[in-house]
Amino acid sequence: MQLESDLKTWKLITAVVFLTFPSGILNGQLTNEWRSKITNTDAESLASAGKWIGIAERLIVLVFILHGQYAAIGLLVTAKGIIRFNEKDRQEIKTEYLVIGTLISIELAIVTGFFIQM
């Protein structure tokens, strides 16, 4: 019983660590092609804000998966989409890059959540 409990704890710790910086790096590598095409960088945006938003988003999705709240993931994606839709900067390439990055990020969190439940 103790070994099973320890295994669950280590799976959760590994998942949380993976969903912070390693999955952010992986996401960055997968979206590098589109990031390089963005020409207009917003000088008013917070430095590294996207990185921290992605980490928080992946951890929230992991919690939703572990608690079986799959509809909440849909609400999170919808809320993020509405916020992005209302932004005044509508550069098409940037918008597509953000959507692709978000979907990859959420997919990594979902797969990780299901994997640690095995």
Protein backbone atom coordinates (compact mmCIF):
# COMPACT_ATOMS: atom_id res chain seq x y z
CA MET A 1 0.00 0.00 0.00
CA GLN A 2 2.83 2.39 0.88
CA LEU A 3 4.62 1.67 -2.40
CA GLU A 4 1.47 2.43 -4.39
CA SER A 5 1.01 5.72 -2.54
CA ASP A 6 4.63 6.66 -3.12
CA LEU A 7 4.30 5.85 -6.83
CA LYS A 8 1.25 8.12 -7.17
CA THR A 9 3.09 10.92 -5.39
CA TRP A 10 6.12 10.60 -7.65
CA LYS A 11 3.93 10.49 -10.76
CA LEU A 12 2.24 13.71 -9.67
CA ILE A 13 5.54 15.43 -8.87
CA THR A 14 6.98 14.35 -12.22
CA ALA A 15 3.88 15.60 -14.06
CA VAL A 16 4.00 19.00 -12.33
CA VAL A 17 7.71 19.40 -13.07
CA PHE A 18 7.22 18.35 -16.71
CA LEU A 19 4.32 20.77 -17.20
CA THR A 20 6.35 23.75 -16.02
CA PHE A 21 9.53 24.45 -17.94
CA PRO A 22 10.23 21.25 -19.97
CA SER A 23 6.84 21.34 -21.71
CA GLY A 24 7.24 25.08 -22.26
CA ILE A 25 10.55 24.43 -24.00
CA LEU A 26 8.95 21.64 -26.06
CA ASN A 27 6.06 23.92 -27.00
CA GLY A 28 8.53 26.63 -28.00
CA GLN A 29 10.42 24.22 -30.23
CA LEU A 30 7.20 23.01 -31.87
CA THR A 31 6.01 26.57 -32.57
CA ASN A 32 9.39 28.04 -33.52
CA GLU A 33 8.48 28.10 -37.22
CA TRP A 34 5.55 30.45 -36.60
CA ARG A 35 7.22 32.53 -33.87
CA SER A 36 10.00 33.48 -36.28
CA LYS A 37 7.41 34.93 -38.69
CA ILE A 38 5.97 37.39 -36.17
CA THR A 39 7.37 40.80 -37.04
CA ASN A 40 5.52 43.11 -34.67
CA THR A 41 6.47 42.60 -31.04
CA ASP A 42 4.42 44.52 -28.56
CA ALA A 43 6.73 46.73 -26.49
CA GLU A 44 4.00 47.24 -23.88
CA SER A 45 3.52 43.54 -23.12
CA LEU A 46 5.05 42.02 -20.02
CA ALA A 47 8.33 40.22 -20.51
CA SER A 48 7.89 36.42 -20.31
CA ALA A 49 4.16 36.76 -19.58
CA GLY A 50 3.29 34.10 -22.16
CA LYS A 51 5.64 31.62 -20.52
CA TRP A 52 4.02 32.07 -17.10
CA ILE A 53 0.50 32.03 -18.55
CA GLY A 54 1.33 28.74 -20.29
CA ILE A 55 2.68 27.19 -17.10
CA ALA A 56 -0.40 28.23 -15.12
CA GLU A 57 -2.69 27.04 -17.91
CA ARG A 58 -1.06 23.60 -18.09
CA LEU A 59 -1.18 23.14 -14.30
CA ILE A 60 -4.84 24.18 -14.18
CA VAL A 61 -5.66 21.70 -16.97
CA LEU A 62 -3.80 18.98 -15.05
CA VAL A 63 -5.90 19.67 -11.94
CA PHE A 64 -9.08 19.55 -14.05
CA ILE A 65 -8.04 16.19 -15.57
CA LEU A 66 -7.18 14.70 -12.18
CA HIS A 67 -10.58 15.75 -10.82
CA GLY A 68 -12.49 14.62 -13.92
CA GLN A 69 -13.67 18.14 -14.76
CA TYR A 70 -13.32 17.93 -18.52
CA ALA A 71 -15.97 20.58 -19.22
CA ALA A 72 -13.90 23.07 -17.22
CA ILE A 73 -11.10 22.66 -19.76
CA GLY A 74 -13.52 23.78 -22.45
CA LEU A 75 -14.44 26.80 -20.39
CA LEU A 76 -10.76 27.67 -19.94
CA VAL A 77 -10.12 27.46 -23.69
CA THR A 78 -13.25 29.50 -24.39
CA ALA A 79 -12.31 32.20 -21.90
CA LYS A 80 -8.82 32.47 -23.35
CA GLY A 81 -10.26 32.66 -26.86
CA ILE A 82 -12.63 35.46 -25.89
CA ILE A 83 -9.80 37.42 -24.30
CA ARG A 84 -7.66 36.98 -27.41
CA PHE A 85 -10.57 37.91 -29.69
CA ASN A 86 -11.02 41.24 -27.89
CA GLU A 87 -7.37 42.25 -28.21
CA LYS A 88 -6.77 45.25 -30.44
CA ASP A 89 -3.64 43.70 -31.99
CA ARG A 90 -5.06 41.40 -34.66
CA GLN A 91 -1.96 40.44 -36.58
CA GLU A 92 -3.10 37.23 -38.28
CA ILE A 93 0.18 35.35 -37.95
CA LYS A 94 0.44 36.23 -34.26
CA THR A 95 -3.12 35.09 -33.60
CA GLU A 96 -2.53 31.77 -35.35
CA TYR A 97 0.74 31.32 -33.45
CA LEU A 98 -1.05 31.91 -30.13
CA VAL A 99 -3.83 29.46 -31.00
CA ILE A 100 -1.38 26.76 -32.06
CA GLY A 101 0.71 27.31 -28.92
CA THR A 102 -2.36 27.15 -26.70
CA LEU A 103 -3.61 23.94 -28.29
CA ILE A 104 -0.21 22.26 -28.01
CA SER A 105 0.09 23.41 -24.41
CA ILE A 106 -3.34 22.08 -23.46
CA GLU A 107 -2.72 18.83 -25.33
CA LEU A 108 0.51 18.28 -23.38
CA ALA A 109 -1.35 18.84 -20.11
CA ILE A 110 -4.21 16.50 -21.04
CA VAL A 111 -1.89 13.70 -22.18
CA THR A 112 0.21 14.11 -19.03
CA GLY A 113 -2.90 14.03 -16.84
CA PHE A 114 -4.20 10.86 -18.45
CA PHE A 115 -0.76 9.29 -18.33
CA ILE A 116 -0.33 9.75 -14.58
CA GLN A 117 -3.81 8.33 -13.95
CA MET A 118 -2.76 5.01 -15.49
